[in-house]
Protein backbone atom coordinates (compact mmCIF):
# COMPACT_ATOMS: atom_id res chain seq x y z
CA UNK A 1 7.88 -9.62 0.09
CA UNK A 2 8.99 -6.64 2.55
CA UNK A 3 11.11 -3.16 1.89
CA UNK A 4 13.69 -2.20 4.20
CA UNK A 5 14.69 1.21 5.70
CA UNK A 6 17.46 2.46 3.13
CA UNK A 7 16.39 3.94 -0.30
CA UNK A 8 18.07 4.63 -3.39
CA UNK A 9 18.15 7.21 -6.53
CA UNK A 10 17.69 5.99 -9.99
CA UNK A 11 21.66 6.47 -10.29
CA UNK A 12 22.64 4.08 -7.63
CA UNK A 13 20.09 1.60 -8.68
CA UNK A 14 21.07 1.70 -12.49
CA UNK A 15 25.27 0.93 -10.82
CA UNK A 16 24.06 -2.15 -8.78
CA UNK A 17 22.34 -3.43 -11.80
CA UNK A 18 25.22 -3.40 -13.77
CA UNK A 19 27.06 -4.64 -11.05
CA UNK A 20 25.36 -7.50 -10.12
CA UNK A 21 25.31 -8.71 -13.85
CA UNK A 22 28.48 -8.43 -14.63
CA UNK A 23 29.53 -10.35 -11.07
CA UNK A 24 26.65 -13.26 -12.27
CA UNK A 25 28.56 -12.78 -15.75
CA UNK A 26 25.71 -12.20 -18.30
CA UNK A 27 24.16 -9.25 -20.07
CA UNK A 28 21.19 -8.61 -17.31
CA UNK A 29 18.98 -11.49 -18.47
CA UNK A 30 19.53 -13.70 -15.67
CA UNK A 31 18.25 -10.53 -13.72
CA UNK A 32 15.42 -10.37 -15.86
CA UNK A 33 14.00 -13.87 -15.45
CA UNK A 34 14.60 -13.52 -11.60
CA UNK A 35 12.53 -10.37 -11.60
CA UNK A 36 9.83 -11.81 -14.10
CA UNK A 37 9.42 -14.50 -11.41
CA UNK A 38 9.08 -12.82 -8.77
CA UNK A 39 6.88 -10.53 -10.42
CA UNK A 40 4.70 -14.02 -11.36
CA UNK A 41 4.98 -15.27 -7.60
CA UNK A 42 3.50 -12.02 -6.42
CA UNK A 43 0.90 -11.45 -8.61
CA UNK A 44 -0.05 -15.08 -7.77
CA UNK A 45 0.10 -14.35 -3.73
CA UNK A 46 -2.14 -10.88 -4.43
CA UNK A 47 -3.88 -11.69 -7.05
CA UNK A 48 -4.86 -15.79 -6.96
CA UNK A 49 -8.09 -15.80 -9.03
CA UNK A 50 -6.96 -13.79 -12.05
CA UNK A 51 -7.11 -16.07 -14.99
CA UNK A 52 -7.08 -13.16 -17.76
CA UNK A 53 -4.33 -11.12 -17.42
CA UNK A 54 -2.89 -8.28 -20.03
CA UNK A 55 0.60 -7.40 -19.53
CA UNK A 56 1.65 -3.82 -21.11
CA UNK A 57 5.36 -3.86 -22.44
CA UNK A 58 7.37 -1.05 -23.42
CA UNK A 59 10.41 -1.18 -25.31
CA UNK A 60 13.00 -1.43 -22.66
CA UNK A 61 14.28 -3.87 -20.09
CA UNK A 62 10.69 -3.13 -17.62
CA UNK A 63 9.07 -4.29 -20.90
CA UNK A 64 11.75 -7.54 -20.70
CA UNK A 65 10.67 -8.45 -17.08
CA UNK A 66 7.06 -8.40 -18.06
CA UNK A 67 7.91 -10.46 -21.46
CA UNK A 68 8.91 -13.15 -18.45
CA UNK A 69 6.01 -12.93 -16.28
CA UNK A 70 3.64 -13.14 -19.74
CA UNK A 71 5.55 -16.70 -19.94
CA UNK A 72 5.33 -18.18 -16.45
CA UNK A 73 1.45 -17.09 -16.74
CA UNK A 74 0.84 -18.61 -19.63
CA UNK A 75 2.39 -21.48 -18.84
CA UNK A 76 1.09 -21.63 -15.68
CA UNK A 77 -2.49 -21.59 -17.62
CA UNK A 78 -3.78 -18.48 -17.68
CA UNK A 79 -4.97 -16.35 -20.43
CA UNK A 80 -2.81 -13.87 -21.26
CA UNK A 81 -2.18 -11.29 -23.82
CA UNK A 82 1.10 -8.55 -24.52
CA UNK A 83 0.20 -5.46 -25.46
CA UNK A 84 2.24 -3.13 -26.56
CA UNK A 85 2.13 0.39 -28.88
CA UNK A 86 3.03 -0.40 -32.53
CA UNK A 87 6.70 1.64 -32.25
CA UNK A 88 7.44 -0.44 -28.98
CA UNK A 89 8.75 -3.34 -29.96
CA UNK A 90 11.66 -4.38 -27.81
CA UNK A 91 14.63 -2.77 -28.42
CA UNK A 92 16.96 -4.32 -25.79
CA UNK A 93 18.80 -7.72 -25.90
CA UNK A 94 17.67 -9.10 -23.37
CA UNK A 95 13.72 -7.66 -23.92
CA UNK A 96 14.22 -8.92 -27.42
CA UNK A 97 14.75 -12.67 -26.03
CA UNK A 98 12.43 -12.73 -23.26
CA UNK A 99 9.83 -11.91 -25.71
CA UNK A 100 11.10 -14.11 -28.61
CA UNK A 101 10.55 -16.86 -25.89
CA UNK A 102 6.91 -15.81 -24.70
CA UNK A 103 5.99 -15.77 -28.36
CA UNK A 104 8.04 -19.93 -28.89
CA UNK A 105 5.27 -20.85 -26.20
CA UNK A 106 2.54 -19.89 -28.32
CA UNK A 107 2.10 -15.93 -26.74
CA UNK A 108 0.38 -13.24 -28.83
CA UNK A 109 1.37 -9.84 -28.70
CA UNK A 110 -1.37 -7.37 -29.52
CA UNK A 111 -2.03 -3.36 -30.47
CA UNK A 112 -5.21 -3.27 -29.55
CA UNK A 113 -6.47 -1.41 -25.69
CA UNK A 114 -9.57 -3.18 -25.97
CA UNK A 115 -8.65 -6.35 -24.70
CA UNK A 116 -7.84 -4.52 -21.10
CA UNK A 117 -11.60 -4.17 -20.41
CA UNK A 118 -11.28 -8.12 -20.12
CA UNK A 119 -8.45 -8.43 -17.92
CA UNK A 120 -9.03 -9.72 -14.50
CA UNK A 121 -5.03 -8.10 -13.71
CA UNK A 122 -3.03 -5.73 -15.74
CA UNK A 123 0.59 -5.91 -15.24
CA UNK A 124 2.14 -2.55 -16.10
CA UNK A 125 5.47 -3.12 -17.66
CA UNK A 126 5.76 0.09 -19.93
CA UNK A 127 8.25 1.99 -18.43
CA UNK A 128 11.02 1.59 -15.95
CA UNK A 129 13.26 4.19 -13.32
CA UNK A 130 15.29 5.81 -16.27
CA UNK A 131 11.19 7.85 -17.03
CA UNK A 132 11.82 11.25 -16.39
CA UNK A 133 9.43 12.91 -19.08
CA UNK A 134 5.59 13.19 -19.42
CA UNK A 135 4.33 10.18 -21.44
CA UNK A 136 4.16 11.05 -24.68
CA UNK A 137 0.10 11.11 -26.15
CA UNK A 138 0.24 7.37 -27.43
CA UNK A 139 1.79 6.55 -24.53
CA UNK A 140 -0.63 8.51 -22.50
CA UNK A 141 -3.66 7.10 -24.07
CA UNK A 142 -2.29 3.66 -23.22
CA UNK A 143 -1.93 4.81 -19.77
CA UNK A 144 -5.29 6.35 -19.53
CA UNK A 145 -7.11 3.06 -20.91
CA UNK A 146 -5.23 1.13 -18.40
CA UNK A 147 -6.38 3.11 -15.47
CA UNK A 148 -9.74 3.28 -16.99
CA UNK A 149 -10.06 -0.52 -16.72
CA UNK A 150 -11.82 -2.07 -14.25
CA UNK A 151 -9.04 -4.86 -13.13
CA UNK A 152 -6.27 -4.05 -10.49
CA UNK A 153 -3.19 -2.76 -11.89
CA UNK A 154 0.41 -4.60 -11.07
CA UNK A 155 3.38 -2.42 -11.92
CA UNK A 156 7.10 -3.96 -11.96
CA UNK A 157 9.70 -1.41 -10.46
CA UNK A 158 7.70 1.90 -11.04
CA UNK A 159 4.33 2.89 -12.00
CA UNK A 160 4.64 4.57 -15.39
CA UNK A 161 4.92 7.84 -15.55
CA UNK A 162 6.32 8.62 -12.06
CA UNK A 163 9.87 9.70 -11.93
CA UNK A 164 11.60 7.25 -9.21
CA UNK A 165 13.74 9.61 -8.02
CA UNK A 166 12.12 12.59 -7.08
CA UNK A 167 8.43 11.11 -7.26
CA UNK A 168 7.56 13.91 -9.30
CA UNK A 169 4.64 12.87 -11.92
CA UNK A 170 4.91 15.36 -15.11
CA UNK A 171 2.29 13.79 -16.90
CA UNK A 172 -0.38 11.00 -16.44
CA UNK A 173 1.13 7.86 -14.60
CA UNK A 174 -0.23 4.87 -13.76
CA UNK A 175 -2.71 4.01 -10.43
CA UNK A 176 -0.97 1.29 -9.43
CA UNK A 177 -2.66 -1.14 -7.06
CA UNK A 178 0.57 -2.41 -6.06
CA UNK A 179 4.21 -1.80 -6.98
CA UNK A 180 6.54 -4.50 -6.79
CA UNK A 181 10.70 -2.84 -6.79
CA UNK A 182 13.48 -5.00 -7.62
CA UNK A 183 16.71 -5.12 -6.04
CA UNK A 184 16.23 -1.60 -4.46
CA UNK A 185 13.98 0.71 -3.46
CA UNK A 186 13.25 3.63 -5.06
CA UNK A 187 13.45 6.77 -2.90
CA UNK A 188 10.99 8.59 -5.68
CA UNK A 189 7.94 6.21 -4.39
CA UNK A 190 8.10 7.62 -0.86
CA UNK A 191 7.02 10.96 -0.88
CA UNK A 192 4.84 13.82 -2.90
CA UNK A 193 2.75 13.14 -5.90
CA UNK A 194 4.24 9.30 -6.06
CA UNK A 195 2.35 8.11 -3.10
CA UNK A 196 -1.03 8.50 -5.07
CA UNK A 197 0.20 5.89 -8.13
CA UNK A 198 2.63 3.68 -5.45
CA UNK A 199 0.08 2.75 -2.45
CA UNK A 200 1.07 -0.07 -1.67
CA UNK A 201 5.30 -1.13 -2.35
CA UNK A 202 7.02 -3.99 -2.24
CA UNK A 203 10.47 -4.94 -2.88
CA UNK A 204 11.79 -8.08 -4.12
CA UNK A 205 15.84 -8.23 -4.16
CA UNK A 206 16.40 -11.25 -6.39
CA UNK A 207 19.29 -13.17 -5.20
CA UNK A 208 21.60 -10.17 -6.13
CA UNK A 209 25.29 -10.68 -4.74
CA UNK A 210 26.90 -8.57 -2.21
CA UNK A 211 29.57 -7.67 -4.63
CA UNK A 212 27.01 -5.79 -6.66
CA UNK A 213 26.86 -3.06 -3.59
CA UNK A 214 30.28 -1.91 -3.69
CA UNK A 215 30.61 2.03 -4.23
CA UNK A 216 27.26 2.35 -3.97
CA UNK A 217 25.36 3.78 -0.73
CA UNK A 218 21.50 4.35 -0.14
CA UNK A 219 20.89 8.04 -0.48
CA UNK A 220 17.77 8.43 2.29
CA UNK A 221 16.15 6.47 4.78
CA UNK A 222 12.30 5.62 6.26
CA UNK A 223 11.87 7.06 9.69
CA UNK A 224 9.73 4.05 10.72
CA UNK A 225 7.81 2.89 14.04
CA UNK A 226 10.45 0.52 15.62
CA UNK A 227 12.84 3.92 15.83
CA UNK A 228 10.44 5.36 18.55
CA UNK A 229 11.53 2.43 21.31
CA UNK A 230 15.29 3.50 20.58
CA UNK A 231 14.80 7.23 20.37
CA UNK A 232 12.53 7.74 23.77
CA UNK A 233 13.68 5.10 25.96
CA UNK A 234 11.70 5.06 29.06
CA UNK A 235 12.48 7.43 32.09
CA UNK A 236 14.49 6.64 35.35
CA UNK A 237 12.47 6.10 38.10
CA UNK A 238 14.20 8.76 40.29
CA UNK A 239 13.78 11.43 37.21
CA UNK A 240 12.25 14.86 37.81
CA UNK A 241 10.62 17.53 35.90
CA UNK A 242 13.59 19.55 35.04
CA UNK A 243 15.00 16.44 32.95
CA UNK A 244 12.64 16.68 30.73
CA UNK A 245 12.95 19.77 29.58
CA UNK A 246 11.47 23.50 29.28
CA UNK A 247 9.67 24.40 26.28
CA UNK A 248 8.86 28.12 25.22
CA UNK A 249 5.96 28.77 23.02
CA UNK A 250 6.23 31.84 21.63
CA UNK A 251 2.75 33.45 19.10
CA UNK A 252 -0.74 33.86 19.83
CA UNK A 253 -1.30 37.14 17.72
CA UNK A 254 -4.68 38.63 17.52
CA UNK A 255 -6.98 36.50 15.97
CA UNK A 256 -4.38 33.38 16.27
CA UNK A 257 -4.59 32.06 20.19
CA UNK A 258 -5.42 28.79 19.10
CA UNK A 259 -1.95 28.25 16.84
CA UNK A 260 0.24 28.62 20.00
CA UNK A 261 -2.15 26.37 22.33
CA UNK A 262 -2.35 23.79 20.38
CA UNK A 263 1.64 23.87 20.20
CA UNK A 264 1.35 24.26 23.89
CA UNK A 265 -0.44 20.80 24.63
CA UNK A 266 1.48 19.23 21.91
CA UNK A 267 4.46 19.93 23.89
CA UNK A 268 3.50 18.68 26.85
CA UNK A 269 1.67 15.32 25.84
CA UNK A 270 4.96 14.57 23.87
CA UNK A 271 6.92 14.99 27.40
CA UNK A 272 8.19 17.74 27.97
CA UNK A 273 8.47 18.59 31.63
CA UNK A 274 7.91 22.59 31.72
CA UNK A 275 6.02 24.55 28.67
CA UNK A 276 5.60 28.39 29.24
CA UNK A 277 3.86 30.58 27.03
CA UNK A 278 4.24 33.76 25.62
CA UNK A 279 1.49 35.66 24.26
CA UNK A 280 -0.87 38.58 24.18
CA UNK A 281 -2.57 39.31 27.41
CA UNK A 282 -5.83 38.13 25.98
CA UNK A 283 -5.12 34.77 25.57
CA UNK A 284 -3.62 33.99 28.61
CA UNK A 285 -7.42 33.26 30.22
CA UNK A 286 -8.94 30.98 27.82
CA UNK A 287 -5.08 28.74 27.25
CA UNK A 288 -5.15 28.12 31.21
CA UNK A 289 -8.65 27.26 30.84
CA UNK A 290 -7.92 24.60 28.22
CA UNK A 291 -4.53 23.71 29.36
CA UNK A 292 -3.53 24.97 33.26
CA UNK A 293 -0.63 23.12 33.16
CA UNK A 294 0.80 25.53 31.01
CA UNK A 295 2.54 28.72 32.60
CA UNK A 296 1.60 31.47 30.42
CA UNK A 297 2.94 35.20 30.32
CA UNK A 298 1.47 38.01 28.98
CA UNK A 299 4.66 39.41 26.54
CA UNK A 300 4.07 42.63 24.52
CA UNK A 301 8.00 43.41 23.73
CA UNK A 302 11.32 41.89 22.49
CA UNK A 303 12.71 42.68 25.85
CA UNK A 304 9.84 40.68 27.79
CA UNK A 305 10.39 37.49 25.81
CA UNK A 306 14.33 37.51 26.13
CA UNK A 307 14.29 37.61 29.56
CA UNK A 308 11.64 34.59 29.59
CA UNK A 309 13.88 32.82 27.18
CA UNK A 310 16.51 33.03 29.77
CA UNK A 311 14.70 29.55 32.01
CA UNK A 312 13.84 27.77 28.46
CA UNK A 313 15.69 24.88 26.82
CA UNK A 314 14.49 25.70 23.60
CA UNK A 315 11.57 27.89 22.16
CA UNK A 316 9.22 26.86 19.85
CA UNK A 317 8.78 30.18 17.39
CA UNK A 318 5.61 30.75 15.07
CA UNK A 319 2.30 29.55 15.87
CA UNK A 320 -0.13 32.51 15.26
CA UNK A 321 2.92 34.48 15.37
CA UNK A 322 1.66 37.22 12.54
CA UNK A 323 3.75 39.65 10.73
CA UNK A 324 3.63 42.83 12.66
CA UNK A 325 5.32 44.81 14.56
CA UNK A 326 4.74 42.95 17.77
CA UNK A 327 5.78 39.74 15.73
CA UNK A 328 8.60 41.09 14.41
CA UNK A 329 9.60 42.03 17.96
CA UNK A 330 9.75 38.73 19.39
CA UNK A 331 11.13 37.26 16.05
CA UNK A 332 14.39 39.72 16.57
CA UNK A 333 14.55 38.75 20.45
CA UNK A 334 13.92 34.95 19.74
CA UNK A 335 16.87 34.82 17.30
CA UNK A 336 19.25 36.31 19.65
CA UNK A 337 18.33 34.38 22.87
CA UNK A 338 21.16 31.55 21.78
CA UNK A 339 18.64 28.50 22.47
CA UNK A 340 17.66 25.94 19.90
CA UNK A 341 14.63 27.29 17.89
CA UNK A 342 12.01 25.27 16.22
CA UNK A 343 10.63 27.80 13.72
CA UNK A 344 7.34 27.11 11.98
CA UNK A 345 4.35 29.19 10.66
CA UNK A 346 4.94 33.12 10.25
CA UNK A 347 8.38 32.96 11.81
CA UNK A 348 8.71 31.36 8.15
CA UNK A 349 7.69 33.88 6.34
CA UNK A 350 9.42 36.29 8.66
CA UNK A 351 12.87 34.33 7.62
CA UNK A 352 11.57 34.32 3.84
CA UNK A 353 11.57 38.31 4.30
CA UNK A 354 15.34 38.65 5.47
CA UNK A 355 17.05 35.57 4.88
CA UNK A 356 19.71 34.71 6.77
CA UNK A 357 21.84 31.57 7.96
CA UNK A 358 20.85 30.06 11.73
CA UNK A 359 22.70 28.45 14.49
CA UNK A 360 20.71 25.42 16.20
CA UNK A 361 17.50 25.45 14.22
CA UNK A 362 14.64 23.90 12.94
CA UNK A 363 12.37 24.64 10.40
CA UNK A 364 9.37 23.34 9.37
CA UNK A 365 7.94 24.40 6.41
CA UNK A 366 5.01 23.19 4.24
CA UNK A 367 5.63 23.42 0.35
CA UNK A 368 4.41 26.63 0.22
CA UNK A 369 6.53 28.26 2.97
CA UNK A 370 9.14 26.55 1.60
CA UNK A 371 9.19 28.06 -2.11
CA UNK A 372 9.01 31.38 -0.42
CA UNK A 373 12.12 30.24 1.62
CA UNK A 374 13.75 29.28 -1.40
CA UNK A 375 12.36 32.07 -3.50
CA UNK A 376 10.66 29.61 -6.03
CA UNK A 377 7.18 28.50 -6.83
CA UNK A 378 5.29 25.92 -4.73
CA UNK A 379 5.22 23.21 -8.03
CA UNK A 380 8.68 23.04 -8.00
CA UNK A 381 9.40 22.51 -4.06
CA UNK A 382 7.07 19.72 -4.88
CA UNK A 383 8.74 18.33 -8.25
CA UNK A 384 11.76 17.03 -6.43
CA UNK A 385 10.90 17.31 -2.62
CA UNK A 386 14.57 15.64 -1.75
CA UNK A 387 16.22 18.46 -3.62
CA UNK A 388 14.37 21.21 -1.78
CA UNK A 389 14.43 19.79 1.67
CA UNK A 390 18.27 19.70 0.91
CA UNK A 391 18.74 23.33 -0.85
CA UNK A 392 16.55 24.64 2.50
CA UNK A 393 18.87 22.85 5.23
CA UNK A 394 22.30 24.19 3.39
CA UNK A 395 20.81 27.61 2.66
CA UNK A 396 19.81 28.17 6.35
CA UNK A 397 22.12 25.56 7.74
CA UNK A 398 19.07 23.98 9.72
CA UNK A 399 17.49 21.14 10.23
CA UNK A 400 14.57 21.34 7.94
CA UNK A 401 11.18 19.27 8.11
CA UNK A 402 9.61 19.41 4.21
CA UNK A 403 6.33 18.61 5.33
CA UNK A 404 3.25 17.43 3.07
CA UNK A 405 2.97 13.38 2.26
CA UNK A 406 6.27 11.45 2.86
CA UNK A 407 7.64 14.55 4.85
CA UNK A 408 11.33 14.48 4.31
CA UNK A 409 13.58 15.37 7.39
CA UNK A 410 16.77 17.41 5.89
CA UNK A 411 20.07 18.61 7.76
CA UNK A 412 23.91 19.30 6.19
CA UNK A 413 25.42 16.48 6.36
CA UNK A 414 22.99 13.94 7.34
CA UNK A 415 21.31 11.60 5.52
CA UNK A 416 17.74 12.38 4.44
CA UNK A 417 14.84 10.62 6.65
CA UNK A 418 11.32 9.87 4.64
CA UNK A 419 8.68 9.96 7.35
CA UNK A 420 6.34 6.66 6.90
CA UNK A 421 3.69 7.92 8.40
CA UNK A 422 0.80 10.46 7.83
CA UNK A 423 -2.32 10.51 6.24
CA UNK A 424 -4.51 13.08 3.90
CA UNK A 425 -6.84 13.86 7.15
CA UNK A 426 -4.32 15.66 8.41
CA UNK A 427 -4.24 18.52 6.09
CA UNK A 428 -6.59 21.19 7.73
CA UNK A 429 -5.03 23.86 9.95
CA UNK A 430 -3.28 23.32 13.08
CA UNK A 431 -1.86 20.22 12.15
CA UNK A 432 1.23 22.17 12.13
CA UNK A 433 1.54 24.00 15.12
CA UNK A 434 1.23 20.77 17.04
CA UNK A 435 4.57 19.40 15.21
CA UNK A 436 6.05 22.35 16.22
CA UNK A 437 5.20 21.65 19.76
CA UNK A 438 6.29 17.82 19.33
CA UNK A 439 9.90 18.79 17.85
CA UNK A 440 10.49 21.31 20.78
CA UNK A 441 9.41 18.83 23.73
CA UNK A 442 11.70 16.23 22.26
CA UNK A 443 14.60 18.72 21.74
CA UNK A 444 13.76 19.75 25.57
CA UNK A 445 14.42 16.14 26.60
CA UNK A 446 17.66 15.77 25.01
CA UNK A 447 17.59 14.49 21.40
CA UNK A 448 19.59 16.42 18.91
CA UNK A 449 18.14 18.67 16.68
CA UNK A 450 17.82 16.10 13.65
CA UNK A 451 16.52 13.31 15.92
CA UNK A 452 14.09 15.19 17.43
CA UNK A 453 12.61 16.80 13.72
CA UNK A 454 12.87 12.90 13.00
CA UNK A 455 11.41 11.26 15.57
CA UNK A 456 8.69 14.24 16.33
CA UNK A 457 7.57 14.50 12.25
CA UNK A 458 6.87 10.20 12.93
CA UNK A 459 5.18 10.74 16.40
CA UNK A 460 2.50 13.21 14.78
CA UNK A 461 2.18 11.09 11.87
CA UNK A 462 1.42 8.04 13.15
CA UNK A 463 -0.63 9.38 16.06
CA UNK A 464 -2.71 10.54 13.25
CA UNK A 465 -2.95 7.54 11.47
CA UNK A 466 -4.19 5.82 14.71
CA UNK A 467 -6.71 8.92 14.92
CA UNK A 468 -7.72 8.56 11.25
CA UNK A 469 -8.99 5.06 12.27
CA UNK A 470 -12.33 6.56 12.84
CA UNK A 471 -11.95 8.49 9.95
CA UNK A 472 -9.65 10.69 7.68
CA UNK A 473 -12.66 13.34 6.52
CA UNK A 474 -13.00 15.64 9.65
CA UNK A 475 -10.15 14.62 11.95
CA UNK A 476 -8.56 17.65 13.97
CA UNK A 477 -5.53 18.74 15.57
CA UNK A 478 -6.42 17.42 18.73
CA UNK A 479 -7.69 14.36 17.59
CA UNK A 480 -4.06 13.35 18.03
CA UNK A 481 -3.43 14.11 21.38
CA UNK A 482 -4.31 10.86 23.25
CA UNK A 483 -2.84 8.83 20.91
CA UNK A 484 0.81 11.15 20.97
CA UNK A 485 1.25 10.33 24.72
CA UNK A 486 0.48 6.48 24.14
CA UNK A 487 3.07 6.46 21.03
CA UNK A 488 5.85 8.71 23.18
CA UNK A 489 5.61 5.85 25.60
CA UNK A 490 6.89 2.79 23.57
């Protein structure tokens, strides 16, 4: 079982399910049987030694999938129990039929959570993709008991308590060791809080006829490692440094030289042919000592930056920039220079203070910066990261990389991309400065703004994943640089 690159929202998933049932000529029970069978085969593959299986069923069709699995497991000789809340007996016709068939072979249904403690495997079939609220008190207690049990948890379609469309977790949710999605993968399981609850995501397509997909479109795309070979082809043998572009990194206010240094070195390691740096005088010697390949310039006002930017192909603006008069002068000059901009860090805060539509810009906010740009709070951004990324791209007429677990890249008129790379070790100061330099380097090498942002975020995340093989805790931005070079040459 694998997972394709395209992702769907819950509205599309429901429509596909309904159209599939219509094409198959039944009320949905055939798909329920296929889902239960696929789930049972998955359980056999991943937990073949599990003899005592407890299936937690809800009242809807997700619970019906669980009853089918329970019947198949019992017929195979496993010791099986179905657990549901007192007022959560099957309510749909298909789920009722699945329950009846399970009971008909001697299966039993119980109401006591104590059985969870004796299980070798717990199957979460409590809620499906329709849940967008926090679980109620009794439901929350049941989920809490599942999470507290020693057995692994296998979720059907979505971990109960997770919003499959947005990835939000409004209350308690099931921590699933594995999730088997049915027919199509759900976009919400690939970003934000949902990643904590759905660490392994599998897909069973259930042999749905192609006619079931008529009139339905994907809502997002996973951006995966194989795209690197397409986005970063081998260079011509007769190439020169000018063909790889000239990046100008702007930043490094007093006390923040490290940020612009990291962006500079990342731009070089990501393949830029030339990298200039505009910063304060005291930062030039240490910058050149660390990175002699950079061309460092003392820039004390906007006029000097305007002259310098004329020779660049793209400007990386923000690492260590600050928000004082010097920073504002450089910000104003950069906006007026007419070159593509990659905007990060304090440059984003300056934009939030004076919101305006932009041209040829890539914004790379973390959730806190995104909240300031949209005049809201961080919790609202994280509640629906897809909606936030698209709102930012519309408001500022720009490509946006909404950073975080499952970074989302959005642009006006484009299908959002979810970056399938990165790890918790990358939550450390300076990682965003690397990303700024990487993306700018790809713009300089000729990628479109949308492709440069997407591919740069992927390179950044993949380099972090390789570096984290030695441990996530203590991972530093500069640990990514050697891996970045290797990955940029697929």
